[in-house]
Amino acid sequence: MPDKNPNAISGFYDGIFHCYDAANVFLTLGLDGRWRRKAALLALASKPEHILDVCCGTGSLSIELNRLSMGRASITSLDFNEAMLSKARAKTSAVSFIRGEADALPFPDGTFDALTLSFAARNLNDGGAGLKKYFNEFHRVLRPGGVFVNLETSRPGNRLIRSLFHAYVRLATVPVRFLSPTHRAAYDFLAGTIADFYPPEELSAIILEAGFSKVEAHTLMFGAIAIHSAIK
């Protein structure tokens, strides 16, 4: 698997930002938008006024949050890759997109009512302790009672389904690698992070260790996708 340091990961996104949205639609059979909508609705359930979308990428979840809140929530979106942010800014002016690091968020304690993370936790993961470092930072910038929502691939509990899911990921990335041969390593890397990530109950435990409470895991696609919600 390619190097997993932040500069290496950012370099991968420099190479694939132009086809990132289309690849997501292809790899998820067009279901990624539906999953983001579910995550956004969970984040908006408490009617937050200030939302932070971390590792926002090209802004898909940020835009969904703005749409579903009908512009009533102030949404700040952060990513460390400028190419992805440039594409996000071209989509909408209703969201504030800024460059920053997820483990050193440039905000005071208790700034936000809700914080979202989508399809990024597995790239932040360097074992449970590494992921907990990021979750601690998310906890810091949320106000008491604030909501954390994480949308991510997961590890199905059923061994057969898990094997089929991982086989699908390997097969589905073949045409993407063929269409973008210079960036094959990036998609190999992303496919590897899916296979290595936690099942829902293990991720729930890490979120609890970061200081959150009332952690709930909502699984989709026979456990291949999980949406976690938690309260500070």
Protein backbone atom coordinates (compact mmCIF):
# COMPACT_ATOMS: atom_id res chain seq x y z
CA MET A 1 0.00 0.00 0.00
CA PRO A 2 1.31 3.51 -0.76
CA ASP A 3 2.67 5.73 1.99
CA LYS A 4 -0.08 6.94 4.29
CA ASN A 5 1.49 10.18 5.50
CA PRO A 6 -0.56 13.37 4.92
CA ASN A 7 1.60 14.66 2.08
CA ALA A 8 1.29 11.36 0.22
CA ILE A 9 -2.48 11.28 0.63
CA SER A 10 -2.80 14.90 -0.50
CA GLY A 11 -0.68 14.07 -3.53
CA PHE A 12 -3.09 11.30 -4.52
CA TYR A 13 -6.00 13.72 -4.44
CA ASP A 14 -4.02 16.19 -6.55
CA GLY A 15 -4.02 13.49 -9.20
CA ILE A 16 -7.66 12.41 -9.06
CA PHE A 17 -9.66 15.50 -8.06
CA HIS A 18 -10.85 16.07 -11.64
CA CYS A 19 -12.60 12.66 -11.79
CA TYR A 20 -13.26 12.16 -8.06
CA ASP A 21 -17.02 12.83 -8.16
CA ALA A 22 -17.61 10.66 -11.23
CA ALA A 23 -15.54 7.84 -9.73
CA ASN A 24 -17.59 7.97 -6.51
CA VAL A 25 -20.83 7.67 -8.44
CA PHE A 26 -19.45 4.76 -10.46
CA LEU A 27 -17.94 2.88 -7.52
CA THR A 28 -21.08 3.22 -5.36
CA LEU A 29 -23.54 2.49 -8.20
CA GLY A 30 -24.89 6.00 -7.72
CA LEU A 31 -25.83 5.42 -4.09
CA ASP A 32 -23.31 7.79 -2.49
CA GLY A 33 -25.69 10.73 -2.79
CA ARG A 34 -28.39 8.82 -0.93
CA TRP A 35 -25.96 7.95 1.88
CA ARG A 36 -24.83 11.55 2.20
CA ARG A 37 -28.44 12.66 2.44
CA LYS A 38 -29.01 10.26 5.35
CA ALA A 39 -25.89 11.56 7.10
CA ALA A 40 -26.91 15.17 6.50
CA LEU A 41 -30.38 14.57 7.92
CA LEU A 42 -28.85 13.10 11.09
CA ALA A 43 -26.58 16.13 11.45
CA LEU A 44 -29.47 18.54 10.91
CA ALA A 45 -31.93 16.81 13.26
CA SER A 46 -31.03 19.09 16.17
CA LYS A 47 -31.33 22.20 13.95
CA PRO A 48 -27.68 23.30 14.26
CA GLU A 49 -26.81 26.89 13.39
CA HIS A 50 -23.10 26.35 12.77
CA ILE A 51 -21.82 23.19 11.05
CA LEU A 52 -18.26 22.13 10.25
CA ASP A 53 -17.72 19.61 7.44
CA VAL A 54 -14.21 18.19 7.89
CA CYS A 55 -12.26 16.65 4.99
CA CYS A 56 -14.97 18.04 2.72
CA GLY A 57 -13.24 17.10 -0.53
CA THR A 58 -15.17 18.46 -3.49
CA GLY A 59 -18.00 19.59 -1.22
CA SER A 60 -20.71 17.01 -1.89
CA LEU A 61 -21.83 16.63 1.74
CA SER A 62 -21.43 20.35 2.42
CA ILE A 63 -23.74 21.18 -0.47
CA GLU A 64 -26.29 18.60 0.72
CA LEU A 65 -26.21 20.10 4.22
CA ASN A 66 -26.84 23.55 2.78
CA ARG A 67 -29.66 22.28 0.56
CA LEU A 68 -31.46 20.37 3.29
CA SER A 69 -31.10 23.19 5.81
CA MET A 70 -32.49 25.55 3.14
CA GLY A 71 -29.61 27.90 3.84
CA ARG A 72 -30.53 28.38 7.49
CA ALA A 73 -27.33 26.78 8.80
CA SER A 74 -23.93 28.40 8.43
CA ILE A 75 -21.63 25.77 6.93
CA THR A 76 -17.85 25.88 7.08
CA SER A 77 -16.01 23.19 5.13
CA LEU A 78 -12.36 22.27 5.57
CA ASP A 79 -9.92 20.17 3.56
CA PHE A 80 -6.14 20.06 3.27
CA ASN A 81 -6.08 19.63 -0.51
CA GLU A 82 -6.34 22.84 -2.49
CA ALA A 83 -7.27 21.11 -5.75
CA MET A 84 -10.31 19.50 -4.13
CA LEU A 85 -11.27 22.82 -2.51
CA SER A 86 -11.03 24.64 -5.83
CA LYS A 87 -13.50 22.21 -7.35
CA ALA A 88 -15.79 22.60 -4.32
CA ARG A 89 -15.73 26.40 -4.54
CA ALA A 90 -16.69 26.21 -8.21
CA LYS A 91 -19.89 24.34 -7.24
CA THR A 92 -21.31 26.82 -4.74
CA SER A 93 -20.77 30.17 -3.05
CA ALA A 94 -23.17 29.31 -0.21
CA VAL A 95 -20.53 27.41 1.77
CA SER A 96 -17.29 28.75 3.24
CA PHE A 97 -14.44 26.50 2.07
CA ILE A 98 -11.10 26.79 3.86
CA ARG A 99 -7.82 24.93 3.82
CA GLY A 100 -6.70 23.30 7.04
CA GLU A 101 -5.62 20.14 8.85
CA ALA A 102 -8.14 17.85 10.52
CA ASP A 103 -5.89 17.27 13.54
CA ALA A 104 -5.35 21.00 14.19
CA LEU A 105 -8.65 22.69 13.38
CA PRO A 106 -8.26 26.50 13.25
CA PHE A 107 -11.23 27.22 15.52
CA PRO A 108 -11.74 27.93 19.23
CA ASP A 109 -13.26 25.37 21.57
CA GLY A 110 -17.02 24.95 21.29
CA THR A 111 -17.43 26.75 17.96
CA PHE A 112 -19.84 24.40 16.16
CA ASP A 113 -23.22 22.81 16.80
CA ALA A 114 -22.54 19.89 14.46
CA LEU A 115 -19.52 18.34 12.74
CA THR A 116 -19.60 15.94 9.80
CA LEU A 117 -17.03 13.65 8.22
CA SER A 118 -17.70 11.56 5.11
CA PHE A 119 -15.52 8.90 3.52
CA ALA A 120 -12.41 10.29 5.19
CA ALA A 121 -11.99 8.50 8.53
CA ARG A 122 -10.28 5.53 6.91
CA ASN A 123 -7.67 7.88 5.39
CA LEU A 124 -7.07 9.48 8.80
CA ASN A 125 -6.74 6.08 10.43
CA ASP A 126 -3.34 4.97 11.64
CA GLY A 127 -4.59 2.49 14.18
CA GLY A 128 -7.15 3.35 16.83
CA ALA A 129 -4.86 5.80 18.64
CA GLY A 130 -4.27 7.79 15.46
CA LEU A 131 -7.96 8.04 14.63
CA LYS A 132 -8.78 8.97 18.24
CA LYS A 133 -6.45 11.97 17.90
CA TYR A 134 -8.69 13.38 15.18
CA PHE A 135 -11.89 12.55 17.04
CA ASN A 136 -10.50 14.35 20.11
CA GLU A 137 -10.03 17.45 17.96
CA PHE A 138 -13.57 17.17 16.58
CA HIS A 139 -14.84 16.89 20.16
CA ARG A 140 -12.93 20.05 21.10
CA VAL A 141 -14.52 22.34 18.50
CA LEU A 142 -18.08 21.14 19.20
CA ARG A 143 -20.17 22.91 21.81
CA PRO A 144 -21.63 20.81 24.65
CA GLY A 145 -24.53 18.87 23.18
CA GLY A 146 -23.10 19.20 19.69
CA VAL A 147 -23.51 16.36 17.18
CA PHE A 148 -20.79 14.39 15.39
CA VAL A 149 -21.82 12.41 12.29
CA ASN A 150 -19.43 10.11 10.43
CA LEU A 151 -20.26 8.41 7.11
CA GLU A 152 -17.82 5.71 6.09
CA THR A 153 -17.36 2.31 4.53
CA SER A 154 -17.42 -0.45 7.12
CA ARG A 155 -16.50 -4.08 7.61
CA PRO A 156 -19.57 -6.32 7.27
CA GLY A 157 -19.97 -8.82 10.09
CA ASN A 158 -21.02 -11.65 7.79
CA ARG A 159 -17.91 -13.28 6.35
CA LEU A 160 -19.50 -14.06 2.97
CA ILE A 161 -20.83 -10.53 2.54
CA ARG A 162 -17.47 -9.12 3.62
CA SER A 163 -15.66 -11.22 1.02
CA LEU A 164 -18.13 -10.23 -1.71
CA PHE A 165 -17.84 -6.55 -0.75
CA HIS A 166 -14.05 -6.56 -0.88
CA ALA A 167 -14.11 -8.46 -4.18
CA TYR A 168 -16.49 -5.86 -5.59
CA VAL A 169 -14.20 -3.01 -4.50
CA ARG A 170 -11.23 -4.66 -6.21
CA LEU A 171 -13.17 -5.33 -9.41
CA ALA A 172 -14.93 -1.96 -9.53
CA THR A 173 -11.66 -0.05 -9.36
CA VAL A 174 -10.28 -1.87 -12.42
CA PRO A 175 -12.05 0.31 -15.04
CA VAL A 176 -11.28 3.45 -13.02
CA ARG A 177 -7.58 2.55 -12.99
CA PHE A 178 -7.78 1.79 -16.72
CA LEU A 179 -9.35 5.17 -17.51
CA SER A 180 -6.79 6.96 -15.35
CA PRO A 181 -3.66 4.78 -15.60
CA THR A 182 -1.31 7.44 -14.20
CA HIS A 183 -3.25 7.39 -10.93
CA ARG A 184 -3.62 3.65 -10.38
CA ALA A 185 -1.68 3.83 -7.12
CA ALA A 186 -4.22 6.29 -5.73
CA TYR A 187 -7.14 3.95 -6.32
CA ASP A 188 -5.17 0.95 -5.07
CA PHE A 189 -4.52 2.96 -1.90
CA LEU A 190 -8.17 3.90 -1.44
CA ALA A 191 -9.31 0.31 -2.04
CA GLY A 192 -6.82 -0.88 0.57
CA THR A 193 -8.12 1.52 3.20
CA ILE A 194 -11.62 0.08 2.74
CA ALA A 195 -10.45 -3.47 3.44
CA ASP A 196 -8.46 -2.36 6.50
CA PHE A 197 -11.15 -0.27 8.23
CA TYR A 198 -13.15 -1.09 11.36
CA PRO A 199 -16.49 -2.81 11.81
CA PRO A 200 -19.19 -0.52 13.28
CA GLU A 201 -18.80 -1.62 16.90
CA GLU A 202 -15.03 -1.02 16.94
CA LEU A 203 -15.42 2.46 15.46
CA SER A 204 -18.13 3.18 18.05
CA ALA A 205 -15.66 2.29 20.80
CA ILE A 206 -13.05 4.70 19.41
CA ILE A 207 -15.62 7.50 19.24
CA LEU A 208 -16.55 6.83 22.88
CA GLU A 209 -12.87 6.92 23.89
CA ALA A 210 -12.63 10.40 22.35
CA GLY A 211 -15.18 11.65 24.88
CA PHE A 212 -18.43 11.40 22.95
CA SER A 213 -21.60 9.84 24.32
CA LYS A 214 -24.79 8.31 22.93
CA VAL A 215 -22.93 6.75 20.01
CA GLU A 216 -25.21 5.07 17.49
CA ALA A 217 -24.25 3.14 14.36
CA HIS A 218 -26.65 2.95 11.43
CA THR A 219 -25.57 0.32 8.90
CA LEU A 220 -26.48 0.24 5.21
CA MET A 221 -25.79 -2.13 2.34
CA PHE A 222 -25.61 -5.23 4.57
CA GLY A 223 -23.00 -3.55 6.78
CA ALA A 224 -20.72 -2.26 4.02
CA ILE A 225 -21.60 1.34 4.92
CA ALA A 226 -22.05 2.80 8.40
CA ILE A 227 -23.24 6.18 9.63
CA HIS A 228 -22.20 6.90 13.21
CA SER A 229 -23.76 9.67 15.26
CA ALA A 230 -22.61 10.85 18.68
CA ILE A 231 -23.11 13.69 21.14
CA LYS A 232 -20.52 15.79 22.95
